[in-house]
Amino acid sequence: MTTQAQRKPAKQRNMPVSRAPRPEYVAAIRYPDGRRDLFHIRNADNLADARELVISEVGEVRSVMIALRH
């Protein structure tokens, strides 16, 4: 009678769930005195959220243009 070695079932590795990378936005702003600046926004959920983050950070602006960064 031959016996076969029993194999233990392979342990399943807990693979981290890969999330899609968060979008990154770039904002060009112009201040009321004519100065301009660029901001990179990484913690925004969407364009409206990115706009709110920029305005809350810099205060009064004449214009803001936000785009998805590639």
PDB file of N, CA and C in Angstrom:
ATOM      1  N   MET A   1       0.835  -1.164   0.000  1.00  0.00           N
ATOM      2  CA  MET A   1       0.000   0.000   0.000  1.00  0.00           C
ATOM      3  C   MET A   1       0.890   1.242   0.000  1.00  0.00           C
ATOM      4  N   THR A   2       0.684   2.091  -0.958  1.00  0.00           N
ATOM      5  CA  THR A   2       1.483   3.312  -1.033  1.00  0.00           C
ATOM      6  C   THR A   2       0.668   4.467  -0.495  1.00  0.00           C
ATOM      7  N   THR A   3       1.366   5.330   0.185  1.00  0.00           N
ATOM      8  CA  THR A   3       0.686   6.521   0.697  1.00  0.00           C
ATOM      9  C   THR A   3       1.188   7.727  -0.060  1.00  0.00           C
ATOM     10  N   GLN A   4       0.305   8.601  -0.289  1.00  0.00           N
ATOM     11  CA  GLN A   4       0.681   9.834  -0.973  1.00  0.00           C
ATOM     12  C   GLN A   4       0.800  10.940   0.068  1.00  0.00           C
ATOM     13  N   ALA A   5       1.775  11.780  -0.139  1.00  0.00           N
ATOM     14  CA  ALA A   5       1.931  12.919   0.774  1.00  0.00           C
ATOM     15  C   ALA A   5       0.754  13.857   0.558  1.00  0.00           C
ATOM     16  N   GLN A   6       0.203  14.260   1.641  1.00  0.00           N
ATOM     17  CA  GLN A   6      -0.922  15.196   1.533  1.00  0.00           C
ATOM     18  C   GLN A   6      -0.382  16.609   1.495  1.00  0.00           C
ATOM     19  N   ARG A   7      -0.900  17.350   0.579  1.00  0.00           N
ATOM     20  CA  ARG A   7      -0.497  18.759   0.473  1.00  0.00           C
ATOM     21  C   ARG A   7      -1.488  19.621   1.219  1.00  0.00           C
ATOM     22  N   LYS A   8      -0.934  20.591   1.897  1.00  0.00           N
ATOM     23  CA  LYS A   8      -1.805  21.573   2.545  1.00  0.00           C
ATOM     24  C   LYS A   8      -2.326  22.508   1.463  1.00  0.00           C
ATOM     25  N   PRO A   9      -3.556  22.933   1.629  1.00  0.00           N
ATOM     26  CA  PRO A   9      -4.060  23.880   0.633  1.00  0.00           C
ATOM     27  C   PRO A   9      -3.215  25.160   0.671  1.00  0.00           C
ATOM     28  N   ALA A  10      -2.989  25.716  -0.482  1.00  0.00           N
ATOM     29  CA  ALA A  10      -2.193  26.941  -0.576  1.00  0.00           C
ATOM     30  C   ALA A  10      -2.900  28.060   0.179  1.00  0.00           C
ATOM     31  N   LYS A  11      -2.100  28.818   0.915  1.00  0.00           N
ATOM     32  CA  LYS A  11      -2.675  29.945   1.648  1.00  0.00           C
ATOM     33  C   LYS A  11      -3.033  31.036   0.642  1.00  0.00           C
ATOM     34  N   GLN A  12      -4.187  31.575   0.834  1.00  0.00           N
ATOM     35  CA  GLN A  12      -4.585  32.675  -0.032  1.00  0.00           C
ATOM     36  C   GLN A  12      -3.993  33.949   0.530  1.00  0.00           C
ATOM     37  N   ARG A  13      -3.322  34.646  -0.315  1.00  0.00           N
ATOM     38  CA  ARG A  13      -2.714  35.904   0.115  1.00  0.00           C
ATOM     39  C   ARG A  13      -3.753  37.008   0.060  1.00  0.00           C
ATOM     40  N   ASN A  14      -3.728  37.818   1.068  1.00  0.00           N
ATOM     41  CA  ASN A  14      -4.637  38.967   1.076  1.00  0.00           C
ATOM     42  C   ASN A  14      -4.019  40.073   0.245  1.00  0.00           C
ATOM     43  N   MET A  15      -4.413  40.107  -0.979  1.00  0.00           N
ATOM     44  CA  MET A  15      -3.904  41.130  -1.877  1.00  0.00           C
ATOM     45  C   MET A  15      -4.671  42.423  -1.622  1.00  0.00           C
ATOM     46  N   PRO A  16      -3.936  43.525  -1.493  1.00  0.00           N
ATOM     47  CA  PRO A  16      -4.645  44.781  -1.280  1.00  0.00           C
ATOM     48  C   PRO A  16      -5.501  45.127  -2.489  1.00  0.00           C
ATOM     49  N   VAL A  17      -6.644  45.687  -2.205  1.00  0.00           N
ATOM     50  CA  VAL A  17      -7.537  46.082  -3.285  1.00  0.00           C
ATOM     51  C   VAL A  17      -6.929  47.308  -3.957  1.00  0.00           C
ATOM     52  N   SER A  18      -6.688  47.191  -5.239  1.00  0.00           N
ATOM     53  CA  SER A  18      -6.084  48.337  -5.926  1.00  0.00           C
ATOM     54  C   SER A  18      -7.197  49.290  -6.345  1.00  0.00           C
ATOM     55  N   ARG A  19      -7.024  50.499  -5.948  1.00  0.00           N
ATOM     56  CA  ARG A  19      -7.998  51.533  -6.296  1.00  0.00           C
ATOM     57  C   ARG A  19      -7.490  52.299  -7.498  1.00  0.00           C
ATOM     58  N   ALA A  20      -8.416  52.843  -8.214  1.00  0.00           N
ATOM     59  CA  ALA A  20      -8.019  53.694  -9.331  1.00  0.00           C
ATOM     60  C   ALA A  20      -7.352  54.941  -8.743  1.00  0.00           C
ATOM     61  N   PRO A  21      -6.313  55.415  -9.376  1.00  0.00           N
ATOM     62  CA  PRO A  21      -5.650  56.604  -8.838  1.00  0.00           C
ATOM     63  C   PRO A  21      -6.602  57.793  -8.834  1.00  0.00           C
ATOM     64  N   ARG A  22      -6.487  58.605  -7.796  1.00  0.00           N
ATOM     65  CA  ARG A  22      -7.349  59.789  -7.728  1.00  0.00           C
ATOM     66  C   ARG A  22      -6.960  60.756  -8.826  1.00  0.00           C
ATOM     67  N   PRO A  23      -7.924  61.422  -9.390  1.00  0.00           N
ATOM     68  CA  PRO A  23      -7.586  62.390 -10.435  1.00  0.00           C
ATOM     69  C   PRO A  23      -6.805  63.556  -9.838  1.00  0.00           C
ATOM     70  N   GLU A  24      -5.932  64.121 -10.628  1.00  0.00           N
ATOM     71  CA  GLU A  24      -5.179  65.299 -10.205  1.00  0.00           C
ATOM     72  C   GLU A  24      -5.578  66.449 -11.117  1.00  0.00           C
ATOM     73  N   TYR A  25      -5.763  67.603 -10.525  1.00  0.00           N
ATOM     74  CA  TYR A  25      -6.196  68.780 -11.270  1.00  0.00           C
ATOM     75  C   TYR A  25      -5.125  69.853 -11.204  1.00  0.00           C
ATOM     76  N   VAL A  26      -5.116  70.720 -12.187  1.00  0.00           N
ATOM     77  CA  VAL A  26      -4.253  71.891 -12.164  1.00  0.00           C
ATOM     78  C   VAL A  26      -5.160  73.112 -12.293  1.00  0.00           C
ATOM     79  N   ALA A  27      -4.861  74.136 -11.497  1.00  0.00           N
ATOM     80  CA  ALA A  27      -5.683  75.349 -11.503  1.00  0.00           C
ATOM     81  C   ALA A  27      -4.805  76.556 -11.790  1.00  0.00           C
ATOM     82  N   ALA A  28      -5.222  77.338 -12.768  1.00  0.00           N
ATOM     83  CA  ALA A  28      -4.579  78.613 -13.060  1.00  0.00           C
ATOM     84  C   ALA A  28      -5.470  79.698 -12.466  1.00  0.00           C
ATOM     85  N   ILE A  29      -4.890  80.511 -11.585  1.00  0.00           N
ATOM     86  CA  ILE A  29      -5.699  81.553 -10.950  1.00  0.00           C
ATOM     87  C   ILE A  29      -5.115  82.924 -11.237  1.00  0.00           C
ATOM     88  N   ARG A  30      -5.982  83.912 -11.272  1.00  0.00           N
ATOM     89  CA  ARG A  30      -5.573  85.305 -11.404  1.00  0.00           C
ATOM     90  C   ARG A  30      -6.175  86.064 -10.238  1.00  0.00           C
ATOM     91  N   TYR A  31      -5.297  86.773  -9.537  1.00  0.00           N
ATOM     92  CA  TYR A  31      -5.716  87.565  -8.380  1.00  0.00           C
ATOM     93  C   TYR A  31      -6.263  88.911  -8.843  1.00  0.00           C
ATOM     94  N   PRO A  32      -7.019  89.596  -7.986  1.00  0.00           N
ATOM     95  CA  PRO A  32      -7.576  90.903  -8.362  1.00  0.00           C
ATOM     96  C   PRO A  32      -6.508  91.932  -8.745  1.00  0.00           C
ATOM     97  N   ASP A  33      -5.284  91.811  -8.197  1.00  0.00           N
ATOM     98  CA  ASP A  33      -4.231  92.779  -8.520  1.00  0.00           C
ATOM     99  C   ASP A  33      -3.450  92.409  -9.787  1.00  0.00           C
ATOM    100  N   GLY A  34      -3.863  91.329 -10.486  1.00  0.00           N
ATOM    101  CA  GLY A  34      -3.237  90.951 -11.742  1.00  0.00           C
ATOM    102  C   GLY A  34      -2.208  89.838 -11.626  1.00  0.00           C
ATOM    103  N   ARG A  35      -1.768  89.519 -10.421  1.00  0.00           N
ATOM    104  CA  ARG A  35      -0.823  88.407 -10.269  1.00  0.00           C
ATOM    105  C   ARG A  35      -1.499  87.113 -10.679  1.00  0.00           C
ATOM    106  N   ARG A  36      -0.684  86.113 -11.011  1.00  0.00           N
ATOM    107  CA  ARG A  36      -1.228  84.813 -11.387  1.00  0.00           C
ATOM    108  C   ARG A  36      -0.420  83.721 -10.723  1.00  0.00           C
ATOM    109  N   ASP A  37      -1.020  82.546 -10.656  1.00  0.00           N
ATOM    110  CA  ASP A  37      -0.380  81.425  -9.985  1.00  0.00           C
ATOM    111  C   ASP A  37      -0.970  80.120 -10.503  1.00  0.00           C
ATOM    112  N   LEU A  38      -0.222  79.029 -10.333  1.00  0.00           N
ATOM    113  CA  LEU A  38      -0.692  77.692 -10.683  1.00  0.00           C
ATOM    114  C   LEU A  38      -0.744  76.846  -9.424  1.00  0.00           C
ATOM    115  N   PHE A  39      -1.763  76.025  -9.320  1.00  0.00           N
ATOM    116  CA  PHE A  39      -1.914  75.103  -8.199  1.00  0.00           C
ATOM    117  C   PHE A  39      -2.151  73.695  -8.743  1.00  0.00           C
ATOM    118  N   HIS A  40      -1.604  72.717  -8.052  1.00  0.00           N
ATOM    119  CA  HIS A  40      -1.880  71.313  -8.357  1.00  0.00           C
ATOM    120  C   HIS A  40      -2.731  70.777  -7.222  1.00  0.00           C
ATOM    121  N   ILE A  41      -3.883  70.215  -7.563  1.00  0.00           N
ATOM    122  CA  ILE A  41      -4.841  69.740  -6.562  1.00  0.00           C
ATOM    123  C   ILE A  41      -4.924  68.224  -6.660  1.00  0.00           C
ATOM    124  N   ARG A  42      -4.601  67.545  -5.550  1.00  0.00           N
ATOM    125  CA  ARG A  42      -4.618  66.081  -5.544  1.00  0.00           C
ATOM    126  C   ARG A  42      -5.748  65.499  -4.714  1.00  0.00           C
ATOM    127  N   ASN A  43      -6.339  66.272  -3.850  1.00  0.00           N
ATOM    128  CA  ASN A  43      -7.328  65.728  -2.915  1.00  0.00           C
ATOM    129  C   ASN A  43      -8.753  66.112  -3.249  1.00  0.00           C
ATOM    130  N   ALA A  44      -9.027  66.352  -4.502  1.00  0.00           N
ATOM    131  CA  ALA A  44     -10.377  66.742  -4.905  1.00  0.00           C
ATOM    132  C   ALA A  44     -11.104  65.559  -5.519  1.00  0.00           C
ATOM    133  N   ASP A  45     -12.404  65.511  -5.300  1.00  0.00           N
ATOM    134  CA  ASP A  45     -13.228  64.445  -5.865  1.00  0.00           C
ATOM    135  C   ASP A  45     -13.679  64.738  -7.287  1.00  0.00           C
ATOM    136  N   ASN A  46     -13.805  66.032  -7.614  1.00  0.00           N
ATOM    137  CA  ASN A  46     -14.264  66.427  -8.946  1.00  0.00           C
ATOM    138  C   ASN A  46     -13.847  67.877  -9.193  1.00  0.00           C
ATOM    139  N   LEU A  47     -14.217  68.434 -10.342  1.00  0.00           N
ATOM    140  CA  LEU A  47     -13.830  69.813 -10.673  1.00  0.00           C
ATOM    141  C   LEU A  47     -14.390  70.835  -9.686  1.00  0.00           C
ATOM    142  N   ALA A  48     -15.632  70.656  -9.293  1.00  0.00           N
ATOM    143  CA  ALA A  48     -16.243  71.605  -8.357  1.00  0.00           C
ATOM    144  C   ALA A  48     -15.525  71.575  -7.016  1.00  0.00           C
ATOM    145  N   ASP A  49     -15.157  70.394  -6.564  1.00  0.00           N
ATOM    146  CA  ASP A  49     -14.430  70.264  -5.307  1.00  0.00           C
ATOM    147  C   ASP A  49     -13.045  70.903  -5.427  1.00  0.00           C
ATOM    148  N   ALA A  50     -12.379  70.720  -6.564  1.00  0.00           N
ATOM    149  CA  ALA A  50     -11.072  71.334  -6.787  1.00  0.00           C
ATOM    150  C   ALA A  50     -11.180  72.853  -6.737  1.00  0.00           C
ATOM    151  N   ARG A  51     -12.223  73.384  -7.340  1.00  0.00           N
ATOM    152  CA  ARG A  51     -12.436  74.844  -7.332  1.00  0.00           C
ATOM    153  C   ARG A  51     -12.621  75.349  -5.910  1.00  0.00           C
ATOM    154  N   GLU A  52     -13.443  74.658  -5.133  1.00  0.00           N
ATOM    155  CA  GLU A  52     -13.667  75.062  -3.741  1.00  0.00           C
ATOM    156  C   GLU A  52     -12.377  75.019  -2.931  1.00  0.00           C
ATOM    157  N   LEU A  53     -11.564  73.989  -3.151  1.00  0.00           N
ATOM    158  CA  LEU A  53     -10.300  73.877  -2.429  1.00  0.00           C
ATOM    159  C   LEU A  53      -9.368  75.040  -2.751  1.00  0.00           C
ATOM    160  N   VAL A  54      -9.273  75.401  -4.024  1.00  0.00           N
ATOM    161  CA  VAL A  54      -8.399  76.509  -4.420  1.00  0.00           C
ATOM    162  C   VAL A  54      -8.890  77.817  -3.813  1.00  0.00           C
ATOM    163  N   ILE A  55     -10.155  78.095  -3.954  1.00  0.00           N
ATOM    164  CA  ILE A  55     -10.686  79.362  -3.449  1.00  0.00           C
ATOM    165  C   ILE A  55     -10.570  79.441  -1.930  1.00  0.00           C
ATOM    166  N   SER A  56     -10.797  78.332  -1.235  1.00  0.00           N
ATOM    167  CA  SER A  56     -10.654  78.359   0.230  1.00  0.00           C
ATOM    168  C   SER A  56      -9.202  78.562   0.638  1.00  0.00           C
ATOM    169  N   GLU A  57      -8.278  78.144  -0.203  1.00  0.00           N
ATOM    170  CA  GLU A  57      -6.854  78.281   0.113  1.00  0.00           C
ATOM    171  C   GLU A  57      -6.334  79.690  -0.151  1.00  0.00           C
ATOM    172  N   VAL A  58      -6.734  80.288  -1.270  1.00  0.00           N
ATOM    173  CA  VAL A  58      -6.139  81.574  -1.663  1.00  0.00           C
ATOM    174  C   VAL A  58      -7.026  82.773  -1.387  1.00  0.00           C
ATOM    175  N   GLY A  59      -8.291  82.568  -1.162  1.00  0.00           N
ATOM    176  CA  GLY A  59      -9.185  83.698  -0.896  1.00  0.00           C
ATOM    177  C   GLY A  59      -9.744  84.279  -2.179  1.00  0.00           C
ATOM    178  N   GLU A  60      -9.791  85.605  -2.234  1.00  0.00           N
ATOM    179  CA  GLU A  60     -10.421  86.284  -3.362  1.00  0.00           C
ATOM    180  C   GLU A  60      -9.576  86.170  -4.627  1.00  0.00           C
ATOM    181  N   VAL A  61     -10.226  85.788  -5.713  1.00  0.00           N
ATOM    182  CA  VAL A  61      -9.551  85.683  -7.007  1.00  0.00           C
ATOM    183  C   VAL A  61     -10.407  86.355  -8.070  1.00  0.00           C
ATOM    184  N   ARG A  62      -9.757  86.778  -9.133  1.00  0.00           N
ATOM    185  CA  ARG A  62     -10.505  87.356 -10.255  1.00  0.00           C
ATOM    186  C   ARG A  62     -11.037  86.240 -11.145  1.00  0.00           C
ATOM    187  N   SER A  63     -10.206  85.231 -11.383  1.00  0.00           N
ATOM    188  CA  SER A  63     -10.648  84.110 -12.207  1.00  0.00           C
ATOM    189  C   SER A  63      -9.893  82.844 -11.815  1.00  0.00           C
ATOM    190  N   VAL A  64     -10.557  81.715 -12.084  1.00  0.00           N
ATOM    191  CA  VAL A  64      -9.970  80.396 -11.819  1.00  0.00           C
ATOM    192  C   VAL A  64     -10.284  79.509 -13.028  1.00  0.00           C
ATOM    193  N   MET A  65      -9.253  78.843 -13.537  1.00  0.00           N
ATOM    194  CA  MET A  65      -9.478  77.861 -14.597  1.00  0.00           C
ATOM    195  C   MET A  65      -8.864  76.554 -14.126  1.00  0.00           C
ATOM    196  N   ILE A  66      -9.683  75.503 -14.112  1.00  0.00           N
ATOM    197  CA  ILE A  66      -9.241  74.215 -13.601  1.00  0.00           C
ATOM    198  C   ILE A  66      -9.385  73.170 -14.702  1.00  0.00           C
ATOM    199  N   ALA A  67      -8.361  72.305 -14.789  1.00  0.00           N
ATOM    200  CA  ALA A  67      -8.388  71.234 -15.779  1.00  0.00           C
ATOM    201  C   ALA A  67      -7.847  69.958 -15.153  1.00  0.00           C
ATOM    202  N   LEU A  68      -8.278  68.845 -15.699  1.00  0.00           N
ATOM    203  CA  LEU A  68      -7.769  67.554 -15.284  1.00  0.00           C
ATOM    204  C   LEU A  68      -6.344  67.434 -15.791  1.00  0.00           C
ATOM    205  N   ARG A  69      -5.433  67.067 -14.906  1.00  0.00           N
ATOM    206  CA  ARG A  69      -4.029  66.958 -15.293  1.00  0.00           C
ATOM    207  C   ARG A  69      -3.775  65.559 -15.829  1.00  0.00           C
ATOM    208  N   HIS A  70      -3.067  65.476 -16.957  1.00  0.00           N
ATOM    209  CA  HIS A  70      -2.748  64.180 -17.579  1.00  0.00           C
ATOM    210  C   HIS A  70      -1.314  63.834 -17.344  1.00  0.00           C
TER     211      HIS A  70
END
